[in-house]
Amino acid sequence: MEFRQIQYFICLFEEGSVTRAARRLNIVQPALSMQIARLEDELGQQLFERSQQGMQPTSAARQMYRLFLPILRDFTHAREQVLRKDGELHGHVNIGIIASVAQGVLSDAVEEFTTQHPKVTLTVTDGYSATLADRVAGGELDAAFINKPRRPLALNLEHVVDEDMVLVTGADHHQHLPASVPLRDVIALDLALPTRKHGLRLILESFAQAEDIDLTPVFEFDSIVSIIKLVERTRFVTLLPRVAISNRVQRGRLKCHEVVSPRLIRQIARVTHPRRALSAEASAFVALLSEHMRRLDTSQQSSKSSKK
């Protein structure tokens, strides 16, 4: 088995098309097909099924992809380190982040990072905490920022920041609500919440259950953006982390109210693979994004204190 064959296999698996994979590898299609056929002969297993939808990976191919993708990434990172001569960071970084965090800090962090390290490229994927953690474990992501899980993971986990979750209303909401609202009073309002796929919903329900409160939203959405837009324009309210709505609060489009009895807190953690060290460029971006989260939280806490 040649390393070149592994590179070709990974590319074909990800592209799902001989045409696209050959274009990405900058080779002719017959050369790619020949190397994949040799690999299948050597392994004694079919790796792809040809169909009208393209090249469909078999179960053997999916297992091979999970095993070889981390090795290929490690080799690529090592090669970049050896070839680096100018002291600048090079390479590519794959990061996962839950949507409620991306809403508040991602654009500023990316802008600062690309200014500091113009030769590094980024892929940022949003998703649910469990999905992102699985992708880190499978080698598809270098690191991910997720809601801190209640159960231990087979990953390195580092606490980043604690965030308040607040009651959010439109700027012109018809009810005059106090600055602080007990959680038990929130359930009398027209609630729109994330679905149970979201770590946020699980966090909210754990607080509610501890107080013997039944959260019964009128609407449930997978999309945080959809919830925010609904709340901006209607009588509906929601419960979200401050970071997810801070920009819209500053622009006067939303209002937020502290939730008390109990105070709602969600913990953000970053996860990495225990057997794969982060590249220098991935470490730099992870550190910068973490700093932006902490900086925003400190700013919000200071603003909250000044209003008291």
Protein backbone atom coordinates (compact mmCIF):
# COMPACT_ATOMS: atom_id res chain seq x y z
CA MET A 1 0.00 0.00 0.00
CA GLU A 2 1.53 3.30 -1.13
CA PHE A 3 1.03 6.62 0.59
CA ARG A 4 -0.09 8.09 -2.73
CA GLN A 5 -2.90 5.54 -2.86
CA ILE A 6 -4.08 6.64 0.58
CA GLN A 7 -4.12 10.28 -0.57
CA TYR A 8 -6.12 9.34 -3.65
CA PHE A 9 -8.55 7.24 -1.62
CA ILE A 10 -9.17 10.01 0.95
CA CYS A 11 -9.80 12.52 -1.81
CA LEU A 12 -12.23 10.26 -3.69
CA PHE A 13 -14.06 9.41 -0.46
CA GLU A 14 -14.54 13.12 0.33
CA GLU A 15 -15.47 14.21 -3.19
CA GLY A 16 -17.69 11.26 -4.09
CA SER A 17 -16.80 11.70 -7.77
CA VAL A 18 -13.81 10.60 -9.86
CA THR A 19 -14.06 13.80 -11.89
CA ARG A 20 -13.98 16.12 -8.87
CA ALA A 21 -11.31 14.08 -7.06
CA ALA A 22 -9.03 14.04 -10.10
CA ARG A 23 -9.45 17.80 -10.50
CA ARG A 24 -8.61 18.37 -6.83
CA LEU A 25 -5.53 16.12 -7.09
CA ASN A 26 -4.53 17.67 -10.44
CA ILE A 27 -4.25 14.28 -12.15
CA VAL A 28 -6.11 12.57 -14.99
CA GLN A 29 -9.12 10.39 -14.15
CA PRO A 30 -7.65 7.08 -15.48
CA ALA A 31 -4.64 7.46 -13.15
CA LEU A 32 -6.94 7.90 -10.16
CA SER A 33 -9.15 4.96 -11.14
CA MET A 34 -6.10 2.74 -11.65
CA GLN A 35 -4.67 3.50 -8.21
CA ILE A 36 -8.03 2.88 -6.50
CA ALA A 37 -8.41 -0.43 -8.39
CA ARG A 38 -4.91 -1.48 -7.27
CA LEU A 39 -5.77 -0.58 -3.70
CA GLU A 40 -8.96 -2.65 -3.84
CA ASP A 41 -7.01 -5.61 -5.26
CA GLU A 42 -4.40 -5.35 -2.53
CA LEU A 43 -7.02 -5.17 0.23
CA GLY A 44 -9.25 -7.80 -1.35
CA GLN A 45 -12.28 -5.59 -0.72
CA GLN A 46 -14.45 -3.30 -2.79
CA LEU A 47 -14.15 0.27 -1.55
CA PHE A 48 -16.63 2.07 -3.81
CA GLU A 49 -19.84 1.21 -5.62
CA ARG A 50 -20.46 3.04 -8.88
CA SER A 51 -23.94 4.58 -9.18
CA GLN A 52 -25.78 7.47 -10.82
CA GLN A 53 -25.16 9.46 -7.63
CA GLY A 54 -21.41 8.98 -7.94
CA MET A 55 -18.94 6.83 -6.05
CA GLN A 56 -20.66 5.42 -2.98
CA PRO A 57 -18.25 4.21 -0.26
CA THR A 58 -18.73 0.71 1.13
CA SER A 59 -18.55 -0.11 4.84
CA ALA A 60 -14.91 -1.12 4.32
CA ALA A 61 -14.19 2.30 2.81
CA ARG A 62 -15.84 4.11 5.71
CA GLN A 63 -13.73 2.16 8.19
CA MET A 64 -10.58 2.83 6.16
CA TYR A 65 -11.37 6.55 5.99
CA ARG A 66 -11.75 6.77 9.78
CA LEU A 67 -8.41 5.00 10.27
CA PHE A 68 -6.32 6.78 7.64
CA LEU A 69 -7.62 10.36 7.75
CA PRO A 70 -5.83 11.18 11.05
CA ILE A 71 -2.59 9.67 9.68
CA LEU A 72 -2.80 11.75 6.51
CA ARG A 73 -3.49 14.92 8.52
CA ASP A 74 -0.56 14.23 10.85
CA PHE A 75 1.73 13.68 7.88
CA THR A 76 0.56 16.91 6.25
CA HIS A 77 1.14 18.89 9.45
CA ALA A 78 4.60 17.35 9.91
CA ARG A 79 5.56 18.12 6.31
CA GLU A 80 4.45 21.75 6.71
CA GLN A 81 6.57 22.09 9.85
CA VAL A 82 9.68 20.72 8.10
CA LEU A 83 9.23 22.93 5.03
CA ARG A 84 8.56 26.09 7.03
CA LYS A 85 11.48 28.47 6.57
CA ASP A 86 10.12 31.99 7.02
CA GLY A 87 8.86 31.65 10.60
CA GLU A 88 5.26 32.29 9.50
CA LEU A 89 2.43 29.90 10.17
CA HIS A 90 1.21 27.96 7.13
CA GLY A 91 -1.32 25.21 6.58
CA HIS A 92 -5.00 24.57 7.11
CA VAL A 93 -7.13 24.48 10.26
CA ASN A 94 -10.45 22.65 10.69
CA ILE A 95 -12.46 23.87 13.69
CA GLY A 96 -15.96 23.04 14.91
CA ILE A 97 -18.10 25.44 16.91
CA ILE A 98 -21.66 25.39 18.21
CA ALA A 99 -23.88 27.96 16.49
CA SER A 100 -24.76 29.90 19.62
CA VAL A 101 -21.07 30.76 20.12
CA ALA A 102 -20.40 31.47 16.45
CA GLN A 103 -23.12 34.15 16.53
CA GLY A 104 -21.16 36.33 18.91
CA VAL A 105 -17.40 35.97 18.46
CA LEU A 106 -16.47 34.05 15.33
CA SER A 107 -16.30 36.84 12.75
CA ASP A 108 -14.11 39.08 14.91
CA ALA A 109 -11.78 36.20 15.80
CA VAL A 110 -11.41 35.10 12.17
CA GLU A 111 -10.71 38.67 11.05
CA GLU A 112 -7.96 39.08 13.64
CA PHE A 113 -6.46 35.65 12.93
CA THR A 114 -6.30 36.08 9.15
CA THR A 115 -4.65 39.47 9.61
CA GLN A 116 -2.00 37.95 11.88
CA HIS A 117 -1.53 34.73 9.87
CA PRO A 118 -2.41 35.39 6.21
CA LYS A 119 -0.89 32.10 4.99
CA VAL A 120 -3.21 29.92 7.09
CA THR A 121 -6.54 28.81 5.66
CA LEU A 122 -9.57 28.00 7.83
CA THR A 123 -12.60 25.76 7.66
CA VAL A 124 -15.12 26.43 10.43
CA THR A 125 -18.03 24.02 10.83
CA ASP A 126 -21.01 24.65 13.09
CA GLY A 127 -23.22 21.92 14.49
CA TYR A 128 -24.50 20.19 17.60
CA SER A 129 -22.08 19.45 20.43
CA ALA A 130 -22.33 15.67 20.10
CA THR A 131 -21.77 15.76 16.34
CA LEU A 132 -18.74 18.03 16.65
CA ALA A 133 -17.21 15.86 19.38
CA ASP A 134 -17.64 12.79 17.14
CA ARG A 135 -15.89 14.59 14.28
CA VAL A 136 -12.95 15.48 16.52
CA ALA A 137 -12.73 11.84 17.60
CA GLY A 138 -12.82 10.75 13.95
CA GLY A 139 -10.05 13.12 12.91
CA GLU A 140 -12.23 15.33 10.73
CA LEU A 141 -11.78 18.37 13.01
CA ASP A 142 -8.65 19.59 14.78
CA ALA A 143 -10.69 20.89 17.70
CA ALA A 144 -14.24 21.92 18.59
CA PHE A 145 -15.95 24.34 20.96
CA ILE A 146 -18.99 22.68 22.50
CA ASN A 147 -21.33 22.79 25.47
CA LYS A 148 -19.57 20.99 28.31
CA PRO A 149 -21.01 17.46 28.29
CA ARG A 150 -22.56 15.90 31.35
CA ARG A 151 -20.84 12.58 30.62
CA PRO A 152 -17.08 12.06 30.17
CA LEU A 153 -15.75 11.95 26.62
CA ALA A 154 -12.76 10.03 25.26
CA LEU A 155 -11.27 13.39 24.29
CA ASN A 156 -9.16 16.07 25.93
CA LEU A 157 -11.54 18.64 27.37
CA GLU A 158 -10.61 22.10 28.59
CA HIS A 159 -12.98 24.61 30.17
CA VAL A 160 -13.13 27.91 28.27
CA VAL A 161 -15.80 30.12 29.82
CA ASP A 162 -19.06 30.18 31.79
CA GLU A 163 -21.91 32.14 30.21
CA ASP A 164 -25.20 33.43 31.53
CA MET A 165 -28.33 32.40 29.68
CA VAL A 166 -30.87 35.20 29.59
CA LEU A 167 -34.50 35.84 28.74
CA VAL A 168 -34.63 37.50 25.33
CA THR A 169 -37.49 39.63 23.95
CA GLY A 170 -37.97 41.92 21.01
CA ALA A 171 -37.16 45.59 21.57
CA ASP A 172 -40.88 46.44 21.28
CA HIS A 173 -42.23 43.53 23.30
CA HIS A 174 -45.76 44.28 24.52
CA GLN A 175 -45.08 43.25 28.12
CA HIS A 176 -42.95 45.35 30.44
CA LEU A 177 -40.68 42.85 32.12
CA PRO A 178 -38.38 43.57 35.07
CA ALA A 179 -34.59 43.45 34.74
CA SER A 180 -34.58 40.08 36.55
CA VAL A 181 -37.18 37.38 35.99
CA PRO A 182 -37.55 34.16 38.00
CA LEU A 183 -37.45 31.04 35.82
CA ARG A 184 -40.88 30.03 37.12
CA ASP A 185 -42.36 33.24 35.64
CA VAL A 186 -40.75 32.61 32.26
CA ILE A 187 -42.94 29.59 31.55
CA ALA A 188 -46.05 31.82 31.54
CA LEU A 189 -44.66 33.63 28.45
CA ASP A 190 -44.87 32.53 24.83
CA LEU A 191 -41.64 30.56 24.56
CA ALA A 192 -39.66 29.61 21.47
CA LEU A 193 -36.74 27.30 22.28
CA PRO A 194 -34.10 25.16 20.55
CA THR A 195 -35.12 21.56 19.92
CA ARG A 196 -33.84 18.75 22.10
CA LYS A 197 -31.06 18.12 19.58
CA HIS A 198 -29.39 21.20 21.02
CA GLY A 199 -27.16 21.09 24.04
CA LEU A 200 -28.76 24.41 25.04
CA ARG A 201 -32.14 22.75 25.43
CA LEU A 202 -30.69 20.00 27.60
CA ILE A 203 -29.03 22.62 29.82
CA LEU A 204 -32.28 24.55 30.19
CA GLU A 205 -34.26 21.44 31.01
CA SER A 206 -31.76 20.33 33.64
CA PHE A 207 -32.19 23.67 35.46
CA ALA A 208 -35.98 23.50 35.07
CA GLN A 209 -36.22 19.93 36.37
CA ALA A 210 -34.17 20.85 39.44
CA GLU A 211 -36.83 23.47 40.23
CA ASP A 212 -39.73 21.14 39.30
CA ILE A 213 -40.62 23.40 36.36
CA ASP A 214 -41.97 22.08 33.07
CA LEU A 215 -40.64 23.93 30.02
CA THR A 216 -43.36 23.86 27.36
CA PRO A 217 -42.38 26.00 24.36
CA VAL A 218 -44.97 27.00 21.78
CA PHE A 219 -42.38 26.68 19.02
CA GLU A 220 -39.17 24.68 18.73
CA PHE A 221 -36.47 25.34 16.13
CA ASP A 222 -33.23 23.65 15.11
CA SER A 223 -31.91 27.03 13.96
CA ILE A 224 -30.80 29.60 16.55
CA VAL A 225 -31.01 32.28 13.84
CA SER A 226 -34.68 31.43 13.22
CA ILE A 227 -35.46 31.76 16.92
CA ILE A 228 -33.77 35.16 17.11
CA LYS A 229 -35.62 36.46 14.05
CA LEU A 230 -38.96 35.29 15.44
CA VAL A 231 -38.32 36.97 18.79
CA GLU A 232 -37.25 40.23 17.10
CA ARG A 233 -40.55 40.53 15.23
CA THR A 234 -43.21 38.97 17.47
CA ARG A 235 -44.46 38.54 21.02
CA PHE A 236 -42.42 35.36 21.48
CA VAL A 237 -39.50 35.19 23.91
CA THR A 238 -36.61 32.79 24.26
CA LEU A 239 -33.77 31.73 26.54
CA LEU A 240 -30.31 31.98 25.00
CA PRO A 241 -26.71 32.69 26.02
CA ARG A 242 -25.79 36.38 26.05
CA VAL A 243 -23.10 35.79 23.45
CA ALA A 244 -25.69 34.71 20.88
CA ILE A 245 -27.63 37.98 21.03
CA SER A 246 -25.13 40.59 22.22
CA ASN A 247 -24.78 42.31 18.83
CA ARG A 248 -28.52 42.66 18.37
CA VAL A 249 -28.94 43.98 21.91
CA GLN A 250 -26.31 46.64 21.21
CA ARG A 251 -28.16 47.64 18.03
CA GLY A 252 -31.42 47.99 19.94
CA ARG A 253 -33.20 45.11 18.19
CA LEU A 254 -33.49 42.86 21.22
CA LYS A 255 -33.68 43.20 24.99
CA CYS A 256 -32.34 40.74 27.53
CA HIS A 257 -33.36 40.11 31.14
CA GLU A 258 -31.44 38.18 33.76
CA VAL A 259 -33.00 34.90 34.83
CA VAL A 260 -32.90 34.22 38.56
CA SER A 261 -34.07 31.46 40.89
CA PRO A 262 -32.03 29.78 39.51
CA ARG A 263 -29.38 31.65 37.56
CA LEU A 264 -28.90 29.86 34.24
CA ILE A 265 -25.27 29.13 33.32
CA ARG A 266 -23.86 27.16 30.44
CA GLN A 267 -20.23 26.07 30.26
CA ILE A 268 -18.24 26.17 27.03
CA ALA A 269 -15.39 23.70 26.61
CA ARG A 270 -12.98 22.92 23.81
CA VAL A 271 -12.18 19.35 22.88
CA THR A 272 -9.17 17.88 21.08
CA HIS A 273 -8.01 14.36 20.31
CA PRO A 274 -5.80 12.87 23.05
CA ARG A 275 -3.43 11.17 20.58
CA ARG A 276 -3.09 13.94 18.01
CA ALA A 277 -1.26 17.11 18.93
CA LEU A 278 -2.60 20.33 17.45
CA SER A 279 -0.51 21.94 14.74
CA ALA A 280 0.99 25.35 15.49
CA GLU A 281 -1.63 27.06 13.33
CA ALA A 282 -4.53 25.17 14.94
CA SER A 283 -3.18 25.97 18.42
CA ALA A 284 -2.94 29.65 17.49
CA PHE A 285 -6.53 29.83 16.26
CA VAL A 286 -7.94 27.85 19.18
CA ALA A 287 -6.15 30.14 21.64
CA LEU A 288 -7.36 33.29 19.88
CA LEU A 289 -10.97 32.13 19.67
CA SER A 290 -10.91 31.16 23.36
CA GLU A 291 -9.56 34.62 24.21
CA HIS A 292 -12.34 36.29 22.24
CA MET A 293 -14.94 34.29 24.17
CA ARG A 294 -13.45 35.27 27.51
CA ARG A 295 -13.05 38.88 26.42
CA LEU A 296 -16.71 39.13 25.39
CA ASP A 297 -17.86 37.54 28.63
CA THR A 298 -15.76 39.98 30.67
CA SER A 299 -17.16 42.91 28.68
CA GLN A 300 -20.73 41.74 29.24
CA GLN A 301 -20.17 41.24 32.96
CA SER A 302 -18.70 44.75 33.24
CA SER A 303 -21.61 46.24 31.33
CA LYS A 304 -24.08 44.40 33.54
CA SER A 305 -22.37 45.65 36.70
CA SER A 306 -22.34 49.26 35.51
CA LYS A 307 -26.11 49.20 35.02
CA LYS A 308 -26.80 48.14 38.59
